[in-house]
Amino acid sequence: MNLAIRDIRHKLSRFLLTAVGIGLLLMIVMGMAGIYQGFTEDALGFLNRAKADLWIVQKATRGPFAEISRIPWDLEDRAYAVTGVAEARAFVTQIIQREYRGKPLRLVVQGLAWPRDDGSELPLMAGRALGQAHYEMVADRSLGLHLGDRVPLGKDVYTVVGVTAGMAGPTGDGFAFFTIPDAISIQYDTPGEAIRLEREARRSRLQRQDLGNTQPILLERAAGPASQLPALGTQYVSAIMVNVAPGVDPARVAKVISGWSDVTIYPNNVQRDLMLKSIERNRKQLGMFRTLLVIISAIIMALILYTLTLDKVHDIAMLKLMGARNRTIVALILQEALLLGALGYGLAYGIGLWVYPYFPRRVSITNAILVQLALIVLAISVISSLLGIWKAMSVQPNEVLA
């Protein structure tokens, strides 16, 4: 019979309890890797689905994902005029928090260029895409909204017509998709009293000028909505997504647009890198905690194996007295270490599958993470067994008489 299996059966409860502890530590190590993978997937989720070749953003900014960007909506028409541009779509995004049914509702407002983009390419779990220009929304299931829910945002009420899955922003907040006019309306919503005071202020400023006295009609215009004022009529969006025609080099189109003095243009891969840099600190912090937990796991396994070896000093001395080779004793301790690591790895995976869905952030466990963790477990199992092996090698056969 295998000596390691026989020894484990002799102290089964201690071995299993140790394996559970190691498994919980490894579950956290696995979870931290999965959280970072979830960070990356959330950050790049919309970028991958948008499939834009170029991003036009505000001058000297890094784009709508890394910082605030505001450019005129009519820049979309200017982009269409560039030779080689097949499609130009406005892009609006903003994180807001409102109260809904007595609870805070935090969401990423995302504007779609309806009707060209109605959200039909989103991973819909239920419902449908946007069917009209106003007052409809498609929400991610992480927001806790359901089909038919009516959500007041700004001065309007929006009906949930579709539910998606896995659409979250870099902060982990779920996406809510609207048409661009609705997204802009939500983004620039202002309390009624503030609107009234602004209109009165415009009228007052105009009355103090000769122009207001000579053209009374302007006083009426000043007291009306800002959208009716020609100088203030332009609406702003976060960016313009550009797709070039088949066979056209995106770099050539980008070179033309880069000559515009009021915008900056980024290829999609650069926008992707900027997005990843925005979560770089999170990655480093999770990586440091993960490294510490791996070291702690190795130390705990080493101490446990050393303790198990101390319990077997009499047995090891007996084996040596009977003529057992050193490799037999080394194999005994190494096999116990590998079995402890394998059992801990299995428990980490099993418990993780049950626990991770309840985490507030997405935990994405990929095959690469599982393989990487398996190699880590193998390494710490071998390394932690060295202390027990050293103690076993120092046992003398005459200690059986002690």
Protein backbone atom coordinates (compact mmCIF):
# COMPACT_ATOMS: atom_id res chain seq x y z
CA MET A 1 0.00 0.00 0.00
CA ASN A 2 1.17 3.52 -0.73
CA LEU A 3 2.71 4.98 2.45
CA ALA A 4 1.30 8.47 1.81
CA ILE A 5 -2.27 7.17 1.42
CA ARG A 6 -1.90 5.03 4.54
CA ASP A 7 -0.57 7.96 6.58
CA ILE A 8 -3.39 10.24 5.34
CA ARG A 9 -5.99 7.66 6.40
CA HIS A 10 -4.39 7.53 9.81
CA LYS A 11 -4.79 11.32 10.26
CA LEU A 12 -7.69 11.90 7.87
CA SER A 13 -9.54 14.60 9.84
CA ARG A 14 -6.44 16.77 10.21
CA PHE A 15 -5.55 16.34 6.55
CA LEU A 16 -9.06 17.24 5.36
CA LEU A 17 -9.26 20.28 7.65
CA THR A 18 -5.92 21.48 6.34
CA ALA A 19 -7.06 20.93 2.76
CA VAL A 20 -10.18 23.02 3.40
CA GLY A 21 -8.07 25.89 4.74
CA ILE A 22 -5.70 25.70 1.78
CA GLY A 23 -8.69 25.48 -0.57
CA LEU A 24 -10.21 28.68 0.84
CA LEU A 25 -6.92 30.52 0.41
CA LEU A 26 -6.57 29.26 -3.16
CA MET A 27 -10.19 30.24 -3.83
CA ILE A 28 -9.32 33.84 -2.93
CA VAL A 29 -6.20 33.68 -5.10
CA MET A 30 -8.33 32.39 -7.98
CA GLY A 31 -11.01 34.97 -7.26
CA MET A 32 -8.58 37.87 -7.42
CA ALA A 33 -7.37 36.71 -10.82
CA GLY A 34 -10.99 36.37 -11.90
CA ILE A 35 -11.87 39.85 -10.61
CA TYR A 36 -9.07 41.38 -12.65
CA GLN A 37 -10.20 39.42 -15.68
CA GLY A 38 -13.69 40.72 -15.00
CA PHE A 39 -12.30 44.28 -14.80
CA THR A 40 -10.76 43.82 -18.22
CA GLU A 41 -13.86 42.29 -19.77
CA ASP A 42 -16.10 45.02 -18.36
CA ALA A 43 -13.75 47.74 -19.55
CA LEU A 44 -13.41 46.35 -23.07
CA GLY A 45 -16.93 44.95 -23.43
CA PHE A 46 -18.44 47.91 -25.25
CA LEU A 47 -15.26 48.60 -27.23
CA ASN A 48 -15.30 45.08 -28.60
CA ARG A 49 -18.99 45.26 -29.51
CA ALA A 50 -18.81 48.75 -31.03
CA LYS A 51 -16.26 47.57 -33.62
CA ALA A 52 -15.25 51.13 -34.47
CA ASP A 53 -12.08 51.73 -36.49
CA LEU A 54 -11.49 55.26 -35.20
CA TRP A 55 -12.62 57.38 -32.24
CA ILE A 56 -12.95 61.16 -32.55
CA VAL A 57 -12.78 62.83 -29.12
CA GLN A 58 -12.31 66.25 -27.61
CA LYS A 59 -8.96 67.90 -28.32
CA ALA A 60 -6.13 66.91 -25.95
CA THR A 61 -8.23 64.33 -24.07
CA ARG A 62 -7.79 60.57 -23.90
CA GLY A 63 -11.31 59.72 -24.92
CA PRO A 64 -14.68 59.13 -23.29
CA PHE A 65 -13.59 56.08 -21.27
CA ALA A 66 -10.54 57.58 -19.56
CA GLU A 67 -11.85 61.11 -18.95
CA ILE A 68 -14.64 63.53 -19.89
CA SER A 69 -14.87 64.31 -23.60
CA ARG A 70 -17.37 66.69 -25.21
CA ILE A 71 -17.61 67.43 -28.90
CA PRO A 72 -20.47 68.90 -31.01
CA TRP A 73 -22.96 66.33 -32.26
CA ASP A 74 -22.87 67.88 -35.74
CA LEU A 75 -19.22 66.78 -36.00
CA GLU A 76 -20.78 63.49 -37.08
CA ASP A 77 -21.77 65.15 -40.40
CA ARG A 78 -18.27 66.54 -40.81
CA ALA A 79 -16.82 63.04 -40.40
CA TYR A 80 -19.16 61.71 -43.08
CA ALA A 81 -17.67 64.22 -45.51
CA VAL A 82 -14.20 62.66 -45.22
CA THR A 83 -13.33 60.39 -48.13
CA GLY A 84 -13.22 56.75 -47.06
CA VAL A 85 -15.63 57.05 -44.12
CA ALA A 86 -18.43 54.51 -44.40
CA GLU A 87 -20.20 55.27 -41.13
CA ALA A 88 -19.99 57.83 -38.33
CA ARG A 89 -21.98 57.36 -35.12
CA ALA A 90 -22.27 59.65 -32.14
CA PHE A 91 -21.35 58.16 -28.78
CA VAL A 92 -22.71 59.33 -25.42
CA THR A 93 -21.81 57.86 -22.05
CA GLN A 94 -22.16 58.99 -18.45
CA ILE A 95 -22.39 57.38 -15.00
CA ILE A 96 -25.38 58.55 -12.97
CA GLN A 97 -27.02 57.54 -9.71
CA ARG A 98 -30.71 58.00 -9.02
CA GLU A 99 -33.18 56.67 -6.49
CA TYR A 100 -35.59 54.00 -7.72
CA ARG A 101 -38.18 52.35 -5.50
CA GLY A 102 -36.45 53.64 -2.41
CA LYS A 103 -33.03 52.27 -3.35
CA PRO A 104 -30.04 53.86 -5.11
CA LEU A 105 -29.78 52.94 -8.79
CA ARG A 106 -26.31 53.52 -10.28
CA LEU A 107 -26.00 52.97 -14.01
CA VAL A 108 -23.96 53.86 -17.07
CA VAL A 109 -26.13 55.84 -19.49
CA GLN A 110 -25.18 54.78 -23.01
CA GLY A 111 -26.57 56.51 -26.09
CA LEU A 112 -27.18 54.56 -29.30
CA ALA A 113 -27.36 56.16 -32.76
CA TRP A 114 -30.96 55.09 -33.32
CA PRO A 115 -32.34 53.97 -35.80
CA ARG A 116 -29.01 52.89 -37.34
CA ASP A 117 -28.05 51.31 -34.04
CA ASP A 118 -31.06 50.07 -32.08
CA GLY A 119 -29.20 47.69 -29.78
CA SER A 120 -30.16 44.53 -31.65
CA GLU A 121 -26.50 43.39 -31.55
CA LEU A 122 -26.48 43.47 -27.75
CA PRO A 123 -26.62 40.11 -25.90
CA LEU A 124 -30.34 40.31 -25.18
CA MET A 125 -31.63 37.83 -22.61
CA ALA A 126 -35.22 38.99 -22.79
CA GLY A 127 -37.31 41.56 -24.60
CA ARG A 128 -36.28 43.44 -27.71
CA ALA A 129 -34.12 46.28 -28.99
CA LEU A 130 -35.14 49.94 -29.00
CA GLY A 131 -38.22 50.41 -31.17
CA GLN A 132 -38.78 54.16 -31.00
CA ALA A 133 -36.80 57.38 -30.70
CA HIS A 134 -37.82 58.22 -27.13
CA TYR A 135 -38.75 56.81 -23.72
CA GLU A 136 -37.38 53.26 -24.11
CA MET A 137 -34.31 51.64 -22.58
CA VAL A 138 -32.41 48.36 -22.64
CA ALA A 139 -30.90 47.56 -19.24
CA ASP A 140 -28.28 45.10 -18.03
CA ARG A 141 -29.63 42.50 -15.60
CA SER A 142 -27.09 43.58 -12.94
CA LEU A 143 -29.19 46.73 -12.44
CA GLY A 144 -32.04 44.61 -11.10
CA LEU A 145 -34.54 45.98 -13.63
CA HIS A 146 -37.13 43.83 -15.40
CA LEU A 147 -39.16 44.03 -18.58
CA GLY A 148 -41.90 46.60 -18.32
CA ASP A 149 -40.33 48.53 -15.43
CA ARG A 150 -40.86 52.28 -15.74
CA VAL A 151 -37.82 54.22 -14.56
CA PRO A 152 -38.00 58.02 -14.01
CA LEU A 153 -34.80 59.68 -15.20
CA GLY A 154 -34.69 63.44 -15.49
CA LYS A 155 -38.10 64.78 -16.45
CA ASP A 156 -39.16 61.69 -18.39
CA VAL A 157 -40.08 58.10 -17.63
CA TYR A 158 -38.41 55.27 -19.57
CA THR A 159 -39.77 51.77 -20.07
CA VAL A 160 -37.44 48.76 -19.95
CA VAL A 161 -38.02 46.93 -23.25
CA GLY A 162 -34.96 44.67 -23.19
CA VAL A 163 -32.58 43.04 -20.71
CA THR A 164 -28.93 42.24 -21.50
CA ALA A 165 -26.26 40.25 -19.69
CA GLY A 166 -22.58 40.97 -19.08
CA MET A 167 -22.73 44.63 -20.11
CA ALA A 168 -21.01 46.61 -17.36
CA GLY A 169 -18.64 49.57 -17.34
CA PRO A 170 -15.11 49.77 -15.90
CA THR A 171 -16.59 50.68 -12.51
CA GLY A 172 -18.77 47.57 -12.50
CA ASP A 173 -22.01 49.52 -12.95
CA GLY A 174 -24.45 48.04 -15.43
CA PHE A 175 -25.17 49.67 -18.79
CA ALA A 176 -28.53 51.18 -19.69
CA PHE A 177 -28.96 51.87 -23.40
CA PHE A 178 -31.05 54.77 -24.73
CA THR A 179 -31.27 56.69 -27.98
CA ILE A 180 -28.77 59.54 -28.14
CA PRO A 181 -31.39 62.33 -27.70
CA ASP A 182 -32.68 60.60 -24.57
CA ALA A 183 -29.16 60.04 -23.26
CA ILE A 184 -28.33 63.71 -23.78
CA SER A 185 -31.58 64.71 -22.09
CA ILE A 186 -30.67 62.60 -19.06
CA GLN A 187 -27.07 63.82 -19.06
CA TYR A 188 -27.95 67.52 -19.08
CA ASP A 189 -31.07 67.34 -16.96
CA THR A 190 -31.43 70.46 -14.81
CA PRO A 191 -33.92 71.15 -12.02
CA GLY A 192 -36.89 73.28 -13.07
CA GLU A 193 -35.98 76.16 -10.75
CA ALA A 194 -32.45 76.30 -12.17
CA ILE A 195 -33.87 76.47 -15.71
CA ARG A 196 -36.22 79.30 -14.71
CA LEU A 197 -33.41 81.28 -13.05
CA GLU A 198 -31.14 80.81 -16.10
CA ARG A 199 -33.85 82.11 -18.43
CA GLU A 200 -34.48 85.12 -16.23
CA ALA A 201 -30.74 85.79 -16.09
CA ARG A 202 -30.50 85.71 -19.89
CA ARG A 203 -33.44 88.08 -20.20
CA SER A 204 -31.98 90.42 -17.58
CA ARG A 205 -28.60 90.54 -19.34
CA LEU A 206 -30.27 91.30 -22.65
CA GLN A 207 -32.41 94.08 -21.16
CA ARG A 208 -29.25 95.87 -20.03
CA GLN A 209 -28.05 96.03 -23.64
CA ASP A 210 -29.26 98.27 -26.46
CA LEU A 211 -30.01 95.22 -28.57
CA GLY A 212 -32.66 94.15 -26.10
CA ASN A 213 -34.37 97.52 -26.22
CA THR A 214 -34.34 97.83 -30.00
CA GLN A 215 -35.46 94.24 -30.69
CA PRO A 216 -38.02 93.21 -28.04
CA ILE A 217 -38.55 89.87 -29.79
CA LEU A 218 -35.12 88.81 -28.54
CA LEU A 219 -36.33 89.19 -24.97
CA GLU A 220 -38.97 86.54 -25.63
CA ARG A 221 -36.37 84.27 -27.22
CA ALA A 222 -34.01 84.72 -24.25
CA ALA A 223 -36.74 83.64 -21.85
CA GLY A 224 -37.44 80.46 -23.83
CA PRO A 225 -35.64 77.10 -24.03
CA ALA A 226 -31.89 77.21 -24.69
CA SER A 227 -32.31 74.92 -27.70
CA GLN A 228 -34.22 77.74 -29.48
CA LEU A 229 -31.24 80.09 -29.22
CA PRO A 230 -29.13 79.80 -32.39
CA ALA A 231 -25.84 80.36 -30.52
CA LEU A 232 -26.67 77.66 -27.98
CA GLY A 233 -28.42 75.18 -30.21
CA THR A 234 -25.52 72.72 -30.63
CA GLN A 235 -25.72 69.58 -28.51
CA TYR A 236 -22.64 67.78 -27.29
CA VAL A 237 -21.74 64.10 -27.31
CA SER A 238 -18.82 62.17 -25.83
CA ALA A 239 -17.22 60.96 -29.05
CA ILE A 240 -17.81 60.02 -32.67
CA MET A 241 -17.20 56.40 -33.73
CA VAL A 242 -15.95 56.07 -37.30
CA ASN A 243 -15.92 52.99 -39.52
CA VAL A 244 -14.01 53.19 -42.78
CA ALA A 245 -15.13 51.64 -46.06
CA PRO A 246 -13.80 48.19 -47.05
CA GLY A 247 -10.33 48.42 -48.52
CA VAL A 248 -9.65 51.87 -47.05
CA ASP A 249 -6.67 52.31 -44.74
CA PRO A 250 -7.91 53.71 -41.39
CA ALA A 251 -4.56 55.49 -40.95
CA ARG A 252 -5.23 57.56 -44.08
CA VAL A 253 -8.63 58.66 -42.77
CA ALA A 254 -7.14 59.35 -39.33
CA LYS A 255 -4.46 61.54 -40.91
CA VAL A 256 -7.11 63.74 -42.53
CA ILE A 257 -9.18 64.10 -39.34
CA SER A 258 -6.09 64.70 -37.20
CA GLY A 259 -5.67 67.97 -39.12
CA TRP A 260 -8.81 69.34 -37.46
CA SER A 261 -7.76 71.68 -34.67
CA ASP A 262 -10.72 71.00 -32.35
CA VAL A 263 -10.50 67.20 -31.98
CA THR A 264 -8.13 64.30 -31.34
CA ILE A 265 -8.50 60.98 -33.13
CA TYR A 266 -7.47 57.55 -31.87
CA PRO A 267 -7.42 54.17 -33.60
CA ASN A 268 -9.46 51.52 -31.80
CA ASN A 269 -6.36 49.70 -30.49
CA VAL A 270 -5.04 52.92 -28.92
CA GLN A 271 -8.42 53.59 -27.30
CA ARG A 272 -8.25 50.03 -25.99
CA ASP A 273 -4.82 50.65 -24.45
CA LEU A 274 -6.01 53.88 -22.84
CA MET A 275 -8.91 52.00 -21.32
CA LEU A 276 -6.62 49.32 -19.88
CA LYS A 277 -4.31 51.96 -18.43
CA SER A 278 -7.25 53.43 -16.55
CA ILE A 279 -7.56 50.18 -14.55
CA GLU A 280 -3.81 49.61 -14.19
CA ARG A 281 -3.76 50.48 -10.49
CA ASN A 282 -6.52 47.98 -9.78
CA ARG A 283 -4.51 45.29 -11.54
CA LYS A 284 -1.37 46.07 -9.57
CA GLN A 285 -3.20 46.12 -6.26
CA LEU A 286 -4.95 42.83 -6.93
CA GLY A 287 -1.65 41.37 -8.11
CA MET A 288 0.09 42.35 -4.86
CA PHE A 289 -2.64 40.81 -2.71
CA ARG A 290 -2.59 37.70 -4.86
CA THR A 291 1.19 37.36 -4.46
CA LEU A 292 0.92 37.75 -0.69
CA LEU A 293 -1.78 35.08 -0.50
CA VAL A 294 0.33 32.67 -2.56
CA ILE A 295 3.25 33.22 -0.17
CA ILE A 296 0.97 32.75 2.84
CA SER A 297 -0.43 29.55 1.34
CA ALA A 298 3.08 28.21 0.80
CA ILE A 299 4.10 29.04 4.38
CA ILE A 300 0.97 27.41 5.83
CA MET A 301 1.47 24.27 3.74
CA ALA A 302 5.14 24.13 4.77
CA LEU A 303 4.26 24.40 8.46
CA ILE A 304 1.51 21.79 8.17
CA LEU A 305 3.79 19.34 6.38
CA TYR A 306 6.55 19.99 8.90
CA THR A 307 4.09 19.27 11.73
CA LEU A 308 2.93 16.09 10.00
CA THR A 309 6.57 15.06 9.62
CA LEU A 310 7.23 15.66 13.34
CA ASP A 311 4.32 13.34 14.11
CA LYS A 312 6.01 10.65 12.00
CA VAL A 313 9.54 10.92 13.41
CA HIS A 314 9.23 7.54 15.15
CA ASP A 315 7.81 5.92 12.00
CA ILE A 316 10.50 7.44 9.78
CA ALA A 317 13.20 6.22 12.17
CA MET A 318 11.68 2.76 12.02
CA LEU A 319 11.65 2.82 8.23
CA LYS A 320 15.31 3.81 8.17
CA LEU A 321 16.14 1.10 10.69
CA MET A 322 14.41 -1.42 8.41
CA GLY A 323 16.57 -0.27 5.52
CA ALA A 324 14.15 2.00 3.65
CA ARG A 325 15.85 4.25 1.13
CA ASN A 326 15.79 8.02 1.45
CA ARG A 327 13.82 8.36 -1.78
CA THR A 328 11.00 6.31 -0.25
CA ILE A 329 10.74 8.75 2.65
CA VAL A 330 11.05 11.76 0.34
CA ALA A 331 8.30 10.32 -1.85
CA LEU A 332 6.09 9.89 1.24
CA ILE A 333 6.27 13.60 2.16
CA LEU A 334 6.20 14.90 -1.42
CA GLN A 335 3.14 12.82 -2.28
CA GLU A 336 1.33 14.11 0.80
CA ALA A 337 2.17 17.67 -0.25
CA LEU A 338 0.93 17.08 -3.80
CA LEU A 339 -2.27 15.43 -2.57
CA LEU A 340 -2.87 18.33 -0.17
CA GLY A 341 -2.37 20.84 -2.99
CA ALA A 342 -4.58 18.90 -5.41
CA LEU A 343 -7.38 18.58 -2.90
CA GLY A 344 -7.11 22.27 -2.01
CA TYR A 345 -7.20 23.18 -5.71
CA GLY A 346 -10.32 21.09 -6.26
CA LEU A 347 -12.05 22.63 -3.25
CA ALA A 348 -11.07 26.12 -4.41
CA TYR A 349 -12.61 25.51 -7.82
CA GLY A 350 -15.77 23.90 -6.43
CA ILE A 351 -16.40 26.49 -3.73
CA GLY A 352 -15.56 29.29 -6.17
CA LEU A 353 -18.19 28.19 -8.68
CA TRP A 354 -20.75 28.39 -5.90
CA VAL A 355 -19.58 31.66 -4.29
CA TYR A 356 -18.35 33.86 -7.17
CA PRO A 357 -21.82 34.60 -8.67
CA TYR A 358 -22.70 36.42 -5.43
CA PHE A 359 -19.75 38.82 -5.69
CA PRO A 360 -20.69 42.46 -6.47
CA ARG A 361 -18.17 42.55 -9.35
CA ARG A 362 -17.89 40.08 -12.17
CA VAL A 363 -15.50 37.21 -11.47
CA SER A 364 -14.46 35.67 -14.77
CA ILE A 365 -12.58 32.39 -14.39
CA THR A 366 -10.94 31.45 -17.68
CA ASN A 367 -8.99 28.34 -18.65
CA ALA A 368 -5.78 30.38 -18.55
CA ILE A 369 -6.45 31.30 -14.91
CA LEU A 370 -7.13 27.66 -14.00
CA VAL A 371 -3.92 26.47 -15.68
CA GLN A 372 -1.91 29.26 -14.05
CA LEU A 373 -3.30 28.45 -10.61
CA ALA A 374 -2.60 24.73 -11.13
CA LEU A 375 1.05 25.55 -11.83
CA ILE A 376 1.18 27.79 -8.75
CA VAL A 377 -0.29 25.03 -6.59
CA LEU A 378 2.21 22.53 -8.00
CA ALA A 379 5.09 24.91 -7.25
CA ILE A 380 4.04 25.75 -3.68
CA SER A 381 3.32 22.06 -2.96
CA VAL A 382 6.85 21.07 -3.96
CA ILE A 383 8.48 24.06 -2.25
CA SER A 384 6.50 23.65 0.99
CA SER A 385 7.45 19.97 1.17
CA LEU A 386 11.15 20.85 1.37
CA LEU A 387 10.94 21.75 5.07
CA GLY A 388 9.32 18.41 5.90
CA ILE A 389 11.84 16.55 3.73
CA TRP A 390 14.72 18.30 5.48
CA LYS A 391 13.36 17.23 8.86
CA ALA A 392 12.80 13.65 7.67
CA MET A 393 16.36 13.43 6.33
CA SER A 394 17.73 14.56 9.70
CA VAL A 395 15.97 11.71 11.56
CA GLN A 396 18.41 9.03 12.75
CA PRO A 397 17.44 5.31 12.92
CA ASN A 398 18.37 5.11 16.62
CA GLU A 399 15.59 7.60 17.45
CA VAL A 400 13.19 4.66 17.26
CA LEU A 401 14.44 3.75 20.74
CA ALA A 402 13.61 7.20 22.16
